[in-house]
Amino acid sequence: MFISNAYAEAVAPVQGAGLMDFLPLIALAAVFYFMVLRPQAKRAKEHKAMTEAVQRGDEVVTSGGMVGRVSKVYEQYVGVELAENIDVTLQKTAIQSVLPKGTIKSIK
């Protein structure tokens, strides 16, 4: 009695909807690609090339922060000598960077 009925109004068709509505989304995707995905893929490619080029005698830093000299190289693993008679076996992906020769002597 006291409450009136609510009726839905007719919606006018949207005109001009098209590419202009999606342009900000496309621009955001392009910025995301160039600012995040592309540099990350480039770093991953460089890291893979570096780990494949590791050879016996290289001085490396592991992802855990340990510094050592590569003593053995396997297909997916490397043996790293951290100190005299202390060898550890690591995955190649655990190598963060290869140091210039003589770095270990200059640190000690």
Protein backbone atom coordinates (compact mmCIF):
# COMPACT_ATOMS: atom_id res chain seq x y z
CA MET A 1 0.00 0.00 0.00
CA PHE A 2 2.58 2.53 1.05
CA ILE A 3 5.40 1.15 -1.11
CA SER A 4 5.26 1.95 -4.78
CA ASN A 5 6.46 -0.49 -7.44
CA ALA A 6 9.92 0.07 -8.92
CA TYR A 7 10.15 -0.46 -12.65
CA ALA A 8 13.37 -0.79 -14.63
CA GLU A 9 14.02 1.96 -17.12
CA ALA A 10 14.86 1.12 -20.69
CA VAL A 11 18.58 1.35 -21.44
CA ALA A 12 19.62 3.20 -24.56
CA PRO A 13 22.09 1.27 -26.76
CA VAL A 14 25.72 2.35 -26.31
CA GLN A 15 27.07 4.00 -29.39
CA GLY A 16 30.73 4.51 -30.16
CA ALA A 17 31.92 1.47 -28.18
CA GLY A 18 34.88 -0.08 -29.91
CA LEU A 19 38.62 0.21 -30.01
CA MET A 20 38.71 3.45 -28.02
CA ASP A 21 37.31 1.67 -24.95
CA PHE A 22 40.10 -0.92 -25.05
CA LEU A 23 42.94 1.50 -25.88
CA PRO A 24 43.91 2.14 -22.21
CA LEU A 25 43.98 -1.60 -21.56
CA ILE A 26 46.16 -2.19 -24.62
CA ALA A 27 48.51 0.63 -23.55
CA LEU A 28 48.77 -0.84 -20.04
CA ALA A 29 49.62 -4.26 -21.46
CA ALA A 30 52.35 -2.74 -23.67
CA VAL A 31 53.88 -0.85 -20.73
CA PHE A 32 53.80 -4.01 -18.60
CA TYR A 33 55.55 -5.96 -21.37
CA PHE A 34 58.33 -3.41 -21.92
CA MET A 35 58.86 -2.56 -18.23
CA VAL A 36 58.57 -6.04 -16.65
CA LEU A 37 58.46 -9.06 -18.96
CA ARG A 38 61.10 -8.11 -21.52
CA PRO A 39 63.87 -7.13 -19.05
CA GLN A 40 63.16 -10.22 -16.94
CA ALA A 41 63.44 -12.50 -19.97
CA LYS A 42 66.68 -10.77 -20.98
CA ARG A 43 68.19 -11.31 -17.50
CA ALA A 44 67.12 -14.97 -17.52
CA LYS A 45 68.74 -15.49 -20.92
CA GLU A 46 72.00 -13.86 -19.76
CA HIS A 47 72.03 -15.96 -16.56
CA LYS A 48 71.49 -19.17 -18.53
CA ALA A 49 74.36 -18.30 -20.89
CA MET A 50 76.60 -17.50 -17.91
CA THR A 51 75.84 -20.79 -16.13
CA GLU A 52 76.44 -22.79 -19.31
CA ALA A 53 79.83 -21.09 -19.79
CA VAL A 54 81.10 -21.88 -16.27
CA GLN A 55 84.28 -23.91 -16.38
CA ARG A 56 86.80 -25.37 -13.96
CA GLY A 57 88.83 -22.68 -12.18
CA ASP A 58 86.22 -19.92 -12.38
CA GLU A 59 85.56 -17.97 -9.20
CA VAL A 60 81.84 -17.72 -8.45
CA VAL A 61 79.35 -16.30 -5.97
CA THR A 62 76.41 -18.54 -5.12
CA SER A 63 72.87 -17.34 -4.50
CA GLY A 64 73.51 -18.02 -0.80
CA GLY A 65 76.42 -15.56 -0.83
CA MET A 66 79.27 -18.08 -0.65
CA VAL A 67 82.40 -17.39 -2.68
CA GLY A 68 84.39 -20.27 -4.12
CA ARG A 69 86.29 -21.73 -7.04
CA VAL A 70 84.70 -24.22 -9.43
CA SER A 71 86.49 -27.55 -9.11
CA LYS A 72 84.23 -29.86 -11.15
CA VAL A 73 81.63 -29.24 -13.84
CA TYR A 74 78.81 -31.66 -14.54
CA GLU A 75 75.81 -31.33 -16.84
CA GLN A 76 73.49 -29.64 -14.32
CA TYR A 77 75.75 -29.40 -11.26
CA VAL A 78 79.10 -27.89 -10.32
CA GLY A 79 81.54 -28.72 -7.58
CA VAL A 80 82.64 -25.56 -5.77
CA GLU A 81 85.66 -25.45 -3.47
CA LEU A 82 84.83 -23.01 -0.68
CA ALA A 83 88.09 -23.54 1.23
CA GLU A 84 90.86 -26.12 1.23
CA ASN A 85 89.34 -29.61 1.33
CA ILE A 86 85.80 -28.21 1.55
CA ASP A 87 83.85 -28.98 -1.61
CA VAL A 88 80.13 -28.59 -2.13
CA THR A 89 78.03 -29.66 -5.08
CA LEU A 90 75.53 -27.08 -6.31
CA GLN A 91 73.08 -26.78 -9.13
CA LYS A 92 74.36 -24.50 -11.87
CA THR A 93 71.34 -22.26 -11.37
CA ALA A 94 72.57 -21.53 -7.81
CA ILE A 95 75.50 -19.57 -9.24
CA GLN A 96 74.65 -15.90 -9.02
CA SER A 97 77.68 -14.46 -10.79
CA VAL A 98 81.16 -15.27 -12.03
CA LEU A 99 83.90 -13.15 -10.49
CA PRO A 100 87.08 -11.94 -12.19
CA LYS A 101 90.15 -14.14 -11.62
CA GLY A 102 92.03 -13.30 -8.41
CA THR A 103 89.02 -11.96 -6.52
CA ILE A 104 89.18 -14.63 -3.81
CA LYS A 105 92.84 -13.80 -3.06
CA SER A 106 92.06 -10.09 -2.81
CA ILE A 107 89.21 -10.76 -0.35
CA LYS A 108 91.33 -12.85 2.07
